[in-house]
């Protein structure tokens, strides 16, 4: 049988239009937060809070649990957009912004994790919250943590993704471009599973030693 349409933006838009709260495989309190807390406890005491990317945040309570974990660990926030919640469904982002409009820890941004230009843009979010001089002091904008409560499961329901050097409309990850140039000189196309593309995109915006909690 065919997999469900969990990879489609339209599927989730339809759900979020009429669904204010939904948990996929629980809220993550027992499965994700312990790993997050363990990682945070390994960092130097006086280090700045590490940037965290929560993909496929949807309308789960996990975003609130992550924020509470940071507040307990670090007290008052030192900079905006430390926690970035993303989803490719605009309705989920609107609901997240409505609830956390005044929150100093987190921000909500629409992004498709399978589109390199949208993922790459997440690194520049802090520019809107800090001056140029401050930005220079914190040049490494990469994330230290990715939290993924079954987004990779949903993405895996989709077909393989075709990449081509001839398609000038798509912004393709540099590693995929190089692969095409070196190995597909005649046809300039290749297909990758959506989860492979997801991993490549995430790995490129996470700093060395970072973790993907999934």
C-alpha atoms as a PDB file:
ATOM      1  CA  UNK A   1       0.000   0.000   0.000  1.00  0.00           C
ATOM      2  CA  UNK A   2       1.063   3.589  -0.520  1.00  0.00           C
ATOM      3  CA  UNK A   3       2.405   5.550   2.448  1.00  0.00           C
ATOM      4  CA  UNK A   4       0.169   8.298   3.884  1.00  0.00           C
ATOM      5  CA  UNK A   5       0.480  11.869   2.643  1.00  0.00           C
ATOM      6  CA  UNK A   6       2.441  13.058   5.672  1.00  0.00           C
ATOM      7  CA  UNK A   7       5.067  14.613   3.386  1.00  0.00           C
ATOM      8  CA  UNK A   8       2.604  17.045   1.810  1.00  0.00           C
ATOM      9  CA  UNK A   9       2.262  20.613   3.018  1.00  0.00           C
ATOM     10  CA  UNK A  10      -1.405  20.537   2.009  1.00  0.00           C
ATOM     11  CA  UNK A  11      -2.072  17.578   4.335  1.00  0.00           C
ATOM     12  CA  UNK A  12      -0.817  19.466   7.371  1.00  0.00           C
ATOM     13  CA  UNK A  13      -2.377  22.774   6.355  1.00  0.00           C
ATOM     14  CA  UNK A  14      -5.771  21.075   6.243  1.00  0.00           C
ATOM     15  CA  UNK A  15      -5.204  19.560   9.677  1.00  0.00           C
ATOM     16  CA  UNK A  16      -3.863  22.692  11.346  1.00  0.00           C
ATOM     17  CA  UNK A  17      -6.744  24.762  10.028  1.00  0.00           C
ATOM     18  CA  UNK A  18      -9.076  22.861  12.347  1.00  0.00           C
ATOM     19  CA  UNK A  19      -6.663  21.427  14.906  1.00  0.00           C
ATOM     20  CA  UNK A  20      -5.250  23.603  17.673  1.00  0.00           C
ATOM     21  CA  UNK A  21      -3.138  20.875  19.285  1.00  0.00           C
ATOM     22  CA  UNK A  22      -1.723  17.592  18.028  1.00  0.00           C
ATOM     23  CA  UNK A  23       0.917  15.251  19.444  1.00  0.00           C
ATOM     24  CA  UNK A  24       2.759  12.782  17.246  1.00  0.00           C
ATOM     25  CA  UNK A  25       4.081   9.905  19.375  1.00  0.00           C
ATOM     26  CA  UNK A  26       3.561  11.830  22.626  1.00  0.00           C
ATOM     27  CA  UNK A  27       4.849  15.264  23.633  1.00  0.00           C
ATOM     28  CA  UNK A  28       8.515  14.258  23.827  1.00  0.00           C
ATOM     29  CA  UNK A  29       8.829  14.878  27.571  1.00  0.00           C
ATOM     30  CA  UNK A  30      10.068  11.355  28.267  1.00  0.00           C
ATOM     31  CA  UNK A  31      11.836  10.653  24.972  1.00  0.00           C
ATOM     32  CA  UNK A  32      13.443  13.898  23.804  1.00  0.00           C
ATOM     33  CA  UNK A  33      13.863  16.230  26.779  1.00  0.00           C
ATOM     34  CA  UNK A  34      16.204  13.911  28.760  1.00  0.00           C
ATOM     35  CA  UNK A  35      18.654  13.886  25.834  1.00  0.00           C
ATOM     36  CA  UNK A  36      18.365  17.658  25.492  1.00  0.00           C
ATOM     37  CA  UNK A  37      19.008  18.166  29.197  1.00  0.00           C
ATOM     38  CA  UNK A  38      21.998  15.797  29.142  1.00  0.00           C
ATOM     39  CA  UNK A  39      23.537  17.680  26.223  1.00  0.00           C
ATOM     40  CA  UNK A  40      23.004  21.074  27.870  1.00  0.00           C
ATOM     41  CA  UNK A  41      24.620  19.770  31.058  1.00  0.00           C
ATOM     42  CA  UNK A  42      27.790  18.840  29.152  1.00  0.00           C
ATOM     43  CA  UNK A  43      28.380  22.447  28.068  1.00  0.00           C
ATOM     44  CA  UNK A  44      30.565  24.870  30.062  1.00  0.00           C
ATOM     45  CA  UNK A  45      28.616  26.585  32.837  1.00  0.00           C
ATOM     46  CA  UNK A  46      29.249  30.104  31.576  1.00  0.00           C
ATOM     47  CA  UNK A  47      28.672  29.374  27.913  1.00  0.00           C
ATOM     48  CA  UNK A  48      25.915  31.147  26.016  1.00  0.00           C
ATOM     49  CA  UNK A  49      22.733  29.125  25.474  1.00  0.00           C
ATOM     50  CA  UNK A  50      23.271  26.974  22.368  1.00  0.00           C
ATOM     51  CA  UNK A  51      21.037  27.639  19.387  1.00  0.00           C
ATOM     52  CA  UNK A  52      18.373  24.981  18.911  1.00  0.00           C
ATOM     53  CA  UNK A  53      16.412  24.219  15.742  1.00  0.00           C
ATOM     54  CA  UNK A  54      13.060  22.478  16.230  1.00  0.00           C
ATOM     55  CA  UNK A  55      11.884  21.187  12.844  1.00  0.00           C
ATOM     56  CA  UNK A  56       8.271  20.263  12.142  1.00  0.00           C
ATOM     57  CA  UNK A  57       7.147  21.947  15.344  1.00  0.00           C
ATOM     58  CA  UNK A  58       3.488  21.906  14.332  1.00  0.00           C
ATOM     59  CA  UNK A  59       1.070  22.407  17.219  1.00  0.00           C
ATOM     60  CA  UNK A  60       2.834  20.066  19.619  1.00  0.00           C
ATOM     61  CA  UNK A  61       3.547  21.041  23.231  1.00  0.00           C
ATOM     62  CA  UNK A  62       7.197  20.142  22.685  1.00  0.00           C
ATOM     63  CA  UNK A  63       8.108  23.713  21.736  1.00  0.00           C
ATOM     64  CA  UNK A  64       6.875  24.919  25.125  1.00  0.00           C
ATOM     65  CA  UNK A  65       8.732  22.137  26.939  1.00  0.00           C
ATOM     66  CA  UNK A  66      11.966  23.052  25.156  1.00  0.00           C
ATOM     67  CA  UNK A  67      11.532  26.702  26.071  1.00  0.00           C
ATOM     68  CA  UNK A  68      10.895  25.811  29.736  1.00  0.00           C
ATOM     69  CA  UNK A  69      14.021  23.622  29.753  1.00  0.00           C
ATOM     70  CA  UNK A  70      16.124  26.553  28.529  1.00  0.00           C
ATOM     71  CA  UNK A  71      14.603  28.948  31.032  1.00  0.00           C
ATOM     72  CA  UNK A  72      15.300  26.614  33.940  1.00  0.00           C
ATOM     73  CA  UNK A  73      18.865  26.074  32.756  1.00  0.00           C
ATOM     74  CA  UNK A  74      19.851  29.616  31.803  1.00  0.00           C
ATOM     75  CA  UNK A  75      17.431  31.956  33.553  1.00  0.00           C
ATOM     76  CA  UNK A  76      16.861  35.179  31.651  1.00  0.00           C
ATOM     77  CA  UNK A  77      17.422  35.058  27.912  1.00  0.00           C
ATOM     78  CA  UNK A  78      20.621  36.646  26.631  1.00  0.00           C
ATOM     79  CA  UNK A  79      19.667  36.885  22.967  1.00  0.00           C
ATOM     80  CA  UNK A  80      16.633  36.461  20.759  1.00  0.00           C
ATOM     81  CA  UNK A  81      16.065  33.487  18.449  1.00  0.00           C
ATOM     82  CA  UNK A  82      18.085  31.007  20.490  1.00  0.00           C
ATOM     83  CA  UNK A  83      15.246  28.523  19.892  1.00  0.00           C
ATOM     84  CA  UNK A  84      13.923  28.451  16.325  1.00  0.00           C
ATOM     85  CA  UNK A  85      10.709  26.535  15.682  1.00  0.00           C
ATOM     86  CA  UNK A  86      10.004  25.724  12.051  1.00  0.00           C
ATOM     87  CA  UNK A  87       7.288  24.065  10.018  1.00  0.00           C
ATOM     88  CA  UNK A  88       6.451  24.172   6.330  1.00  0.00           C
ATOM     89  CA  UNK A  89       2.764  24.719   7.104  1.00  0.00           C
ATOM     90  CA  UNK A  90       2.120  28.451   7.411  1.00  0.00           C
ATOM     91  CA  UNK A  91      -0.883  27.874   9.681  1.00  0.00           C
ATOM     92  CA  UNK A  92       1.317  26.158  12.282  1.00  0.00           C
ATOM     93  CA  UNK A  93       3.732  29.105  12.230  1.00  0.00           C
ATOM     94  CA  UNK A  94       0.901  31.609  12.633  1.00  0.00           C
ATOM     95  CA  UNK A  95      -0.438  29.723  15.646  1.00  0.00           C
ATOM     96  CA  UNK A  96       3.014  29.480  17.180  1.00  0.00           C
ATOM     97  CA  UNK A  97       3.595  33.217  16.759  1.00  0.00           C
ATOM     98  CA  UNK A  98       0.219  34.016  18.281  1.00  0.00           C
ATOM     99  CA  UNK A  99       1.035  32.033  21.414  1.00  0.00           C
ATOM    100  CA  UNK A 100       4.673  33.121  21.754  1.00  0.00           C
ATOM    101  CA  UNK A 101       4.522  36.667  20.404  1.00  0.00           C
ATOM    102  CA  UNK A 102       6.161  38.163  23.500  1.00  0.00           C
ATOM    103  CA  UNK A 103       8.587  35.327  24.102  1.00  0.00           C
ATOM    104  CA  UNK A 104      12.243  36.340  24.272  1.00  0.00           C
ATOM    105  CA  UNK A 105      13.640  32.850  23.844  1.00  0.00           C
ATOM    106  CA  UNK A 106      12.050  31.532  20.709  1.00  0.00           C
ATOM    107  CA  UNK A 107      10.885  32.516  17.265  1.00  0.00           C
ATOM    108  CA  UNK A 108       8.678  30.780  14.707  1.00  0.00           C
ATOM    109  CA  UNK A 109       9.682  30.667  11.046  1.00  0.00           C
ATOM    110  CA  UNK A 110       8.179  28.929   8.048  1.00  0.00           C
ATOM    111  CA  UNK A 111      10.789  26.741   6.342  1.00  0.00           C
ATOM    112  CA  UNK A 112      10.775  23.640   4.186  1.00  0.00           C
ATOM    113  CA  UNK A 113      13.611  21.446   5.440  1.00  0.00           C
ATOM    114  CA  UNK A 114      14.062  19.974   1.954  1.00  0.00           C
ATOM    115  CA  UNK A 115      14.761  23.365   0.350  1.00  0.00           C
ATOM    116  CA  UNK A 116      18.356  24.457   0.844  1.00  0.00           C
ATOM    117  CA  UNK A 117      17.743  28.192   0.491  1.00  0.00           C
ATOM    118  CA  UNK A 118      15.068  28.130   3.218  1.00  0.00           C
ATOM    119  CA  UNK A 119      17.221  26.102   5.613  1.00  0.00           C
ATOM    120  CA  UNK A 120      20.310  28.223   4.934  1.00  0.00           C
ATOM    121  CA  UNK A 121      18.298  31.383   5.690  1.00  0.00           C
ATOM    122  CA  UNK A 122      17.752  30.196   9.270  1.00  0.00           C
ATOM    123  CA  UNK A 123      21.378  31.018  10.030  1.00  0.00           C
ATOM    124  CA  UNK A 124      20.727  34.682   9.310  1.00  0.00           C
ATOM    125  CA  UNK A 125      17.770  35.089  11.658  1.00  0.00           C
ATOM    126  CA  UNK A 126      19.838  36.691  14.406  1.00  0.00           C
ATOM    127  CA  UNK A 127      20.761  39.599  12.122  1.00  0.00           C
ATOM    128  CA  UNK A 128      17.297  41.006  12.761  1.00  0.00           C
ATOM    129  CA  UNK A 129      17.802  40.959  16.513  1.00  0.00           C
ATOM    130  CA  UNK A 130      21.356  42.266  16.916  1.00  0.00           C
ATOM    131  CA  UNK A 131      23.521  45.077  15.556  1.00  0.00           C
ATOM    132  CA  UNK A 132      26.300  44.591  13.047  1.00  0.00           C
ATOM    133  CA  UNK A 133      29.065  44.861  15.644  1.00  0.00           C
ATOM    134  CA  UNK A 134      27.347  42.356  17.908  1.00  0.00           C
ATOM    135  CA  UNK A 135      26.858  40.062  14.940  1.00  0.00           C
ATOM    136  CA  UNK A 136      30.582  40.088  14.211  1.00  0.00           C
ATOM    137  CA  UNK A 137      31.307  38.984  17.775  1.00  0.00           C
ATOM    138  CA  UNK A 138      29.065  35.951  17.253  1.00  0.00           C
ATOM    139  CA  UNK A 139      29.984  35.046  13.682  1.00  0.00           C
ATOM    140  CA  UNK A 140      29.160  31.347  14.116  1.00  0.00           C
ATOM    141  CA  UNK A 141      25.376  31.308  13.799  1.00  0.00           C
ATOM    142  CA  UNK A 142      25.160  27.543  13.390  1.00  0.00           C
ATOM    143  CA  UNK A 143      22.863  25.499  15.587  1.00  0.00           C
ATOM    144  CA  UNK A 144      24.138  23.151  18.269  1.00  0.00           C
ATOM    145  CA  UNK A 145      20.951  21.080  18.523  1.00  0.00           C
ATOM    146  CA  UNK A 146      18.265  19.853  16.144  1.00  0.00           C
ATOM    147  CA  UNK A 147      15.058  18.471  17.660  1.00  0.00           C
ATOM    148  CA  UNK A 148      12.912  16.332  15.395  1.00  0.00           C
ATOM    149  CA  UNK A 149       9.788  14.601  16.727  1.00  0.00           C
ATOM    150  CA  UNK A 150       9.064  12.377  13.727  1.00  0.00           C
ATOM    151  CA  UNK A 151       9.471  15.017  11.045  1.00  0.00           C
ATOM    152  CA  UNK A 152      11.940  12.687   9.351  1.00  0.00           C
ATOM    153  CA  UNK A 153       9.244   9.970   9.492  1.00  0.00           C
ATOM    154  CA  UNK A 154       6.782  12.242   7.707  1.00  0.00           C
ATOM    155  CA  UNK A 155       9.355  13.340   5.135  1.00  0.00           C
ATOM    156  CA  UNK A 156      10.245   9.722   4.360  1.00  0.00           C
ATOM    157  CA  UNK A 157       6.738   9.177   2.973  1.00  0.00           C
ATOM    158  CA  UNK A 158       7.655  11.255  -0.070  1.00  0.00           C
ATOM    159  CA  UNK A 159       9.314  10.101  -3.275  1.00  0.00           C
ATOM    160  CA  UNK A 160      13.014  10.489  -3.977  1.00  0.00           C
ATOM    161  CA  UNK A 161      14.002  14.023  -4.953  1.00  0.00           C
ATOM    162  CA  UNK A 162      15.515  14.668  -8.364  1.00  0.00           C
ATOM    163  CA  UNK A 163      18.341  17.182  -8.700  1.00  0.00           C
ATOM    164  CA  UNK A 164      19.682  18.652 -11.921  1.00  0.00           C
ATOM    165  CA  UNK A 165      22.274  21.263 -12.784  1.00  0.00           C
ATOM    166  CA  UNK A 166      19.994  22.260 -15.634  1.00  0.00           C
ATOM    167  CA  UNK A 167      17.262  23.401 -13.236  1.00  0.00           C
ATOM    168  CA  UNK A 168      18.159  27.032 -12.596  1.00  0.00           C
ATOM    169  CA  UNK A 169      15.056  27.636 -10.460  1.00  0.00           C
ATOM    170  CA  UNK A 170      16.157  25.473  -7.537  1.00  0.00           C
ATOM    171  CA  UNK A 171      18.843  26.432  -5.027  1.00  0.00           C
ATOM    172  CA  UNK A 172      20.830  23.225  -4.634  1.00  0.00           C
ATOM    173  CA  UNK A 173      23.206  22.380  -1.798  1.00  0.00           C
ATOM    174  CA  UNK A 174      26.861  22.808  -2.895  1.00  0.00           C
ATOM    175  CA  UNK A 175      27.704  19.175  -2.122  1.00  0.00           C
ATOM    176  CA  UNK A 176      24.922  17.993  -4.433  1.00  0.00           C
ATOM    177  CA  UNK A 177      26.125  20.382  -7.124  1.00  0.00           C
ATOM    178  CA  UNK A 178      29.657  19.004  -6.843  1.00  0.00           C
ATOM    179  CA  UNK A 179      28.373  15.432  -6.919  1.00  0.00           C
ATOM    180  CA  UNK A 180      26.448  16.144 -10.107  1.00  0.00           C
ATOM    181  CA  UNK A 181      29.456  17.749 -11.757  1.00  0.00           C
ATOM    182  CA  UNK A 182      31.820  14.931 -10.835  1.00  0.00           C
ATOM    183  CA  UNK A 183      29.615  11.870 -11.406  1.00  0.00           C
ATOM    184  CA  UNK A 184      26.831  12.730 -13.822  1.00  0.00           C
ATOM    185  CA  UNK A 185      28.561  14.708 -16.547  1.00  0.00           C
ATOM    186  CA  UNK A 186      26.310  13.308 -19.266  1.00  0.00           C
ATOM    187  CA  UNK A 187      22.848  13.658 -17.730  1.00  0.00           C
ATOM    188  CA  UNK A 188      23.415  16.076 -14.829  1.00  0.00           C
ATOM    189  CA  UNK A 189      20.705  14.489 -12.688  1.00  0.00           C
ATOM    190  CA  UNK A 190      20.540  12.368  -9.565  1.00  0.00           C
ATOM    191  CA  UNK A 191      17.907  11.223  -7.114  1.00  0.00           C
ATOM    192  CA  UNK A 192      18.249  11.228  -3.352  1.00  0.00           C
ATOM    193  CA  UNK A 193      15.889  10.031  -0.658  1.00  0.00           C
ATOM    194  CA  UNK A 194      14.181  12.908   1.188  1.00  0.00           C
ATOM    195  CA  UNK A 195      15.733  11.825   4.495  1.00  0.00           C
ATOM    196  CA  UNK A 196      19.229  11.934   2.956  1.00  0.00           C
ATOM    197  CA  UNK A 197      18.521  15.473   1.738  1.00  0.00           C
ATOM    198  CA  UNK A 198      17.201  16.415   5.177  1.00  0.00           C
ATOM    199  CA  UNK A 199      20.332  15.088   6.873  1.00  0.00           C
ATOM    200  CA  UNK A 200      22.620  16.919   4.451  1.00  0.00           C
ATOM    201  CA  UNK A 201      20.779  20.205   4.992  1.00  0.00           C
ATOM    202  CA  UNK A 202      20.743  19.889   8.784  1.00  0.00           C
ATOM    203  CA  UNK A 203      24.362  18.795   8.994  1.00  0.00           C
ATOM    204  CA  UNK A 204      25.389  21.905   7.091  1.00  0.00           C
ATOM    205  CA  UNK A 205      23.861  24.322   9.613  1.00  0.00           C
ATOM    206  CA  UNK A 206      24.927  22.518  12.798  1.00  0.00           C
ATOM    207  CA  UNK A 207      28.277  23.261  14.413  1.00  0.00           C
ATOM    208  CA  UNK A 208      30.844  20.516  15.078  1.00  0.00           C
ATOM    209  CA  UNK A 209      29.848  18.441  18.092  1.00  0.00           C
ATOM    210  CA  UNK A 210      26.169  19.275  17.663  1.00  0.00           C
ATOM    211  CA  UNK A 211      23.414  16.701  18.009  1.00  0.00           C
ATOM    212  CA  UNK A 212      20.233  15.658  16.178  1.00  0.00           C
ATOM    213  CA  UNK A 213      17.668  14.371  18.679  1.00  0.00           C
ATOM    214  CA  UNK A 214      15.063  12.425  16.739  1.00  0.00           C
END
